[in-house]
């Protein structure tokens, strides 16, 4: 997720399951895997946007699909591998 604007107040992206938040700062980016190597969803990466209190929030998303990369990111025997 690319941050395209600064926000004067509010607008953080929060990852509630892991207790993390990211405040918007123009020119920065946040990257995370939302799947376990097994292909199962990693629900710890669920996130939400806090309301913007002052200013505007602009972001751009880039989805990276890993199909065909099974030899670079091998699956283990555990769901979390």
N, C-alpha and C. Protein backbone atom coordinates (compact mmCIF):
# COMPACT_ATOMS: atom_id res chain seq x y z
N UNK A 1 0.85 -1.15 0.00
CA UNK A 1 0.00 0.00 0.00
C UNK A 1 0.90 1.23 0.00
N UNK A 2 0.80 2.03 -1.02
CA UNK A 2 1.62 3.23 -1.17
C UNK A 2 0.89 4.44 -0.61
N UNK A 3 1.56 5.19 0.22
CA UNK A 3 0.97 6.39 0.82
C UNK A 3 1.25 7.58 -0.10
N UNK A 4 0.20 8.19 -0.60
CA UNK A 4 0.35 9.26 -1.58
C UNK A 4 0.09 10.65 -1.01
N UNK A 5 -0.23 10.73 0.28
CA UNK A 5 -0.48 12.04 0.89
C UNK A 5 -0.18 11.99 2.38
N UNK A 6 0.12 13.15 2.91
CA UNK A 6 0.22 13.31 4.36
C UNK A 6 -1.18 13.62 4.88
N UNK A 7 -1.45 13.24 6.11
CA UNK A 7 -2.73 13.53 6.74
C UNK A 7 -2.44 14.26 8.05
N UNK A 8 -3.11 15.37 8.25
CA UNK A 8 -2.85 16.18 9.45
C UNK A 8 -3.32 15.49 10.72
N UNK A 9 -4.45 14.78 10.67
CA UNK A 9 -4.96 14.09 11.86
C UNK A 9 -5.79 12.88 11.43
N UNK A 10 -5.54 11.75 12.10
CA UNK A 10 -6.29 10.53 11.82
C UNK A 10 -5.75 9.80 10.59
N UNK A 11 -6.54 8.85 10.08
CA UNK A 11 -6.22 8.17 8.83
C UNK A 11 -5.26 7.01 8.93
N UNK A 12 -4.93 6.55 10.13
CA UNK A 12 -3.99 5.44 10.26
C UNK A 12 -4.63 4.15 9.73
N UNK A 13 -3.78 3.23 9.28
CA UNK A 13 -4.21 1.88 8.94
C UNK A 13 -3.84 1.00 10.12
N UNK A 14 -4.82 0.27 10.65
CA UNK A 14 -4.58 -0.55 11.84
C UNK A 14 -4.73 -2.03 11.52
N UNK A 15 -3.82 -2.80 12.09
CA UNK A 15 -3.85 -4.26 12.01
C UNK A 15 -4.22 -4.72 13.42
N UNK A 16 -5.51 -4.92 13.63
CA UNK A 16 -6.02 -5.14 14.99
C UNK A 16 -5.53 -6.43 15.62
N UNK A 17 -5.38 -7.50 14.84
CA UNK A 17 -4.97 -8.78 15.42
C UNK A 17 -3.54 -8.77 15.94
N UNK A 18 -2.69 -7.93 15.38
CA UNK A 18 -1.29 -7.88 15.84
C UNK A 18 -0.99 -6.60 16.62
N UNK A 19 -1.98 -5.72 16.75
CA UNK A 19 -1.80 -4.51 17.55
C UNK A 19 -0.86 -3.49 16.93
N UNK A 20 -0.88 -3.40 15.60
CA UNK A 20 0.01 -2.44 14.91
C UNK A 20 -0.82 -1.41 14.17
N UNK A 21 -0.25 -0.22 14.03
CA UNK A 21 -0.88 0.82 13.22
C UNK A 21 0.19 1.55 12.43
N UNK A 22 -0.21 2.05 11.27
CA UNK A 22 0.70 2.78 10.39
C UNK A 22 0.05 4.11 10.05
N UNK A 23 0.74 5.19 10.41
CA UNK A 23 0.22 6.52 10.09
C UNK A 23 0.61 6.88 8.67
N UNK A 24 -0.27 7.54 7.92
CA UNK A 24 0.05 7.89 6.55
C UNK A 24 1.14 8.96 6.47
N UNK A 25 2.14 8.70 5.66
CA UNK A 25 3.21 9.67 5.39
C UNK A 25 3.53 9.58 3.91
N UNK A 26 3.37 10.66 3.22
CA UNK A 26 3.56 10.70 1.77
C UNK A 26 4.93 10.13 1.38
N UNK A 27 4.92 9.24 0.37
CA UNK A 27 6.17 8.67 -0.13
C UNK A 27 6.59 7.38 0.55
N UNK A 28 5.82 6.90 1.53
CA UNK A 28 6.17 5.64 2.19
C UNK A 28 5.25 4.53 1.69
N UNK A 29 5.60 3.30 2.05
CA UNK A 29 4.79 2.15 1.64
C UNK A 29 4.76 1.12 2.76
N UNK A 30 3.72 0.30 2.76
CA UNK A 30 3.58 -0.80 3.69
C UNK A 30 3.38 -2.06 2.86
N UNK A 31 4.09 -3.13 3.21
CA UNK A 31 4.00 -4.39 2.48
C UNK A 31 3.78 -5.52 3.46
N UNK A 32 2.89 -6.46 3.12
CA UNK A 32 2.69 -7.63 3.96
C UNK A 32 2.19 -8.79 3.10
N UNK A 33 2.49 -9.99 3.57
CA UNK A 33 1.93 -11.20 2.98
C UNK A 33 0.61 -11.49 3.67
N UNK A 34 -0.45 -11.76 2.91
CA UNK A 34 -1.72 -12.09 3.53
C UNK A 34 -2.06 -13.58 3.39
N UNK A 35 -1.11 -14.37 2.92
CA UNK A 35 -1.29 -15.82 2.83
C UNK A 35 -0.13 -16.52 3.51
N UNK A 36 -0.44 -17.67 4.11
CA UNK A 36 0.63 -18.55 4.55
C UNK A 36 1.24 -19.18 3.30
N UNK A 37 2.47 -19.67 3.36
CA UNK A 37 3.06 -20.33 2.20
C UNK A 37 2.20 -21.48 1.66
N UNK A 38 1.36 -22.05 2.50
CA UNK A 38 0.46 -23.13 2.07
C UNK A 38 -0.67 -22.62 1.18
N UNK A 39 -0.86 -21.31 1.12
CA UNK A 39 -1.95 -20.74 0.36
C UNK A 39 -3.16 -20.39 1.20
N UNK A 40 -3.18 -20.84 2.44
CA UNK A 40 -4.27 -20.50 3.36
C UNK A 40 -4.15 -19.03 3.78
N UNK A 41 -5.30 -18.39 4.00
CA UNK A 41 -5.30 -16.99 4.41
C UNK A 41 -4.71 -16.80 5.79
N UNK A 42 -3.95 -15.73 5.95
CA UNK A 42 -3.40 -15.35 7.25
C UNK A 42 -4.26 -14.21 7.79
N UNK A 43 -5.21 -14.57 8.63
CA UNK A 43 -6.19 -13.58 9.09
C UNK A 43 -5.60 -12.56 10.05
N UNK A 44 -4.37 -12.74 10.49
CA UNK A 44 -3.72 -11.71 11.31
C UNK A 44 -3.47 -10.44 10.51
N UNK A 45 -3.53 -10.52 9.19
CA UNK A 45 -3.26 -9.35 8.36
C UNK A 45 -4.51 -8.53 8.06
N UNK A 46 -5.64 -8.92 8.65
CA UNK A 46 -6.85 -8.10 8.47
C UNK A 46 -6.57 -6.70 8.97
N UNK A 47 -7.03 -5.72 8.23
CA UNK A 47 -6.72 -4.33 8.58
C UNK A 47 -7.92 -3.44 8.28
N UNK A 48 -7.86 -2.25 8.83
CA UNK A 48 -8.94 -1.28 8.65
C UNK A 48 -8.33 0.12 8.66
N UNK A 49 -9.07 1.05 8.06
CA UNK A 49 -8.62 2.45 8.03
C UNK A 49 -9.36 3.24 9.08
N UNK A 50 -8.62 3.98 9.88
CA UNK A 50 -9.24 4.90 10.83
C UNK A 50 -9.73 6.13 10.06
N UNK A 51 -10.74 6.79 10.58
CA UNK A 51 -11.26 7.98 9.89
C UNK A 51 -10.22 9.09 9.80
N UNK A 52 -10.23 9.79 8.70
CA UNK A 52 -9.39 10.98 8.54
C UNK A 52 -10.11 12.13 9.24
N UNK A 53 -9.44 12.74 10.20
CA UNK A 53 -10.05 13.83 10.97
C UNK A 53 -9.80 15.19 10.35
N UNK A 54 -8.58 15.39 9.82
CA UNK A 54 -8.23 16.65 9.17
C UNK A 54 -7.39 16.31 7.95
N UNK A 55 -7.80 16.82 6.79
CA UNK A 55 -7.04 16.59 5.55
C UNK A 55 -7.66 15.51 4.69
N UNK A 56 -6.88 15.00 3.74
CA UNK A 56 -7.29 13.96 2.81
C UNK A 56 -6.28 12.84 2.82
N UNK A 57 -6.77 11.62 2.62
CA UNK A 57 -5.88 10.46 2.56
C UNK A 57 -5.97 9.85 1.17
N UNK A 58 -4.82 9.73 0.51
CA UNK A 58 -4.74 9.09 -0.79
C UNK A 58 -3.74 7.95 -0.70
N UNK A 59 -4.18 6.76 -1.10
CA UNK A 59 -3.30 5.59 -1.14
C UNK A 59 -3.46 4.91 -2.49
N UNK A 60 -2.48 4.10 -2.83
CA UNK A 60 -2.54 3.27 -4.03
C UNK A 60 -2.14 1.86 -3.62
N UNK A 61 -2.86 0.88 -4.11
CA UNK A 61 -2.56 -0.52 -3.77
C UNK A 61 -1.97 -1.24 -4.97
N UNK A 62 -1.00 -2.07 -4.70
CA UNK A 62 -0.41 -2.96 -5.71
C UNK A 62 -0.51 -4.38 -5.18
N UNK A 63 -1.30 -5.21 -5.83
CA UNK A 63 -1.44 -6.61 -5.45
C UNK A 63 -0.41 -7.43 -6.19
N UNK A 64 0.31 -8.26 -5.47
CA UNK A 64 1.35 -9.11 -6.07
C UNK A 64 0.89 -10.55 -5.92
N UNK A 65 0.61 -11.19 -7.02
CA UNK A 65 0.16 -12.58 -6.99
C UNK A 65 1.36 -13.50 -7.14
N UNK A 66 1.37 -14.59 -6.40
CA UNK A 66 2.52 -15.49 -6.38
C UNK A 66 2.31 -16.77 -7.14
N UNK A 67 1.27 -16.91 -7.89
CA UNK A 67 1.06 -18.14 -8.65
C UNK A 67 2.26 -18.36 -9.57
N UNK A 68 2.72 -19.59 -9.63
CA UNK A 68 3.87 -19.90 -10.47
C UNK A 68 5.20 -19.69 -9.77
N UNK A 69 5.16 -19.30 -8.49
CA UNK A 69 6.41 -19.07 -7.76
C UNK A 69 6.60 -20.11 -6.66
N UNK A 70 6.00 -21.27 -6.85
CA UNK A 70 6.05 -22.28 -5.79
C UNK A 70 7.46 -22.79 -5.51
N UNK A 71 8.41 -22.60 -6.42
CA UNK A 71 9.77 -23.04 -6.15
C UNK A 71 10.58 -21.98 -5.43
N UNK A 72 10.10 -20.75 -5.41
CA UNK A 72 10.79 -19.68 -4.68
C UNK A 72 10.29 -19.58 -3.25
N UNK A 73 9.05 -19.91 -3.03
CA UNK A 73 8.45 -19.82 -1.69
C UNK A 73 7.78 -21.16 -1.40
N UNK A 74 8.57 -22.12 -0.99
CA UNK A 74 8.09 -23.49 -0.81
C UNK A 74 7.15 -23.61 0.38
N UNK A 75 6.25 -24.57 0.28
CA UNK A 75 5.30 -24.86 1.35
C UNK A 75 5.89 -25.88 2.32
N UNK A 76 5.61 -25.67 3.58
CA UNK A 76 6.03 -26.64 4.59
C UNK A 76 4.87 -27.54 4.94
N UNK A 77 5.04 -28.31 5.99
CA UNK A 77 3.99 -29.23 6.42
C UNK A 77 3.00 -28.59 7.37
N UNK A 78 3.36 -27.46 7.97
CA UNK A 78 2.48 -26.76 8.90
C UNK A 78 1.74 -25.65 8.17
N UNK A 79 0.53 -25.31 8.63
CA UNK A 79 -0.26 -24.25 8.01
C UNK A 79 0.47 -22.91 8.01
N UNK A 80 1.25 -22.65 9.04
CA UNK A 80 1.95 -21.37 9.17
C UNK A 80 3.32 -21.34 8.50
N UNK A 81 3.74 -22.44 7.89
CA UNK A 81 5.04 -22.47 7.21
C UNK A 81 4.99 -21.66 5.93
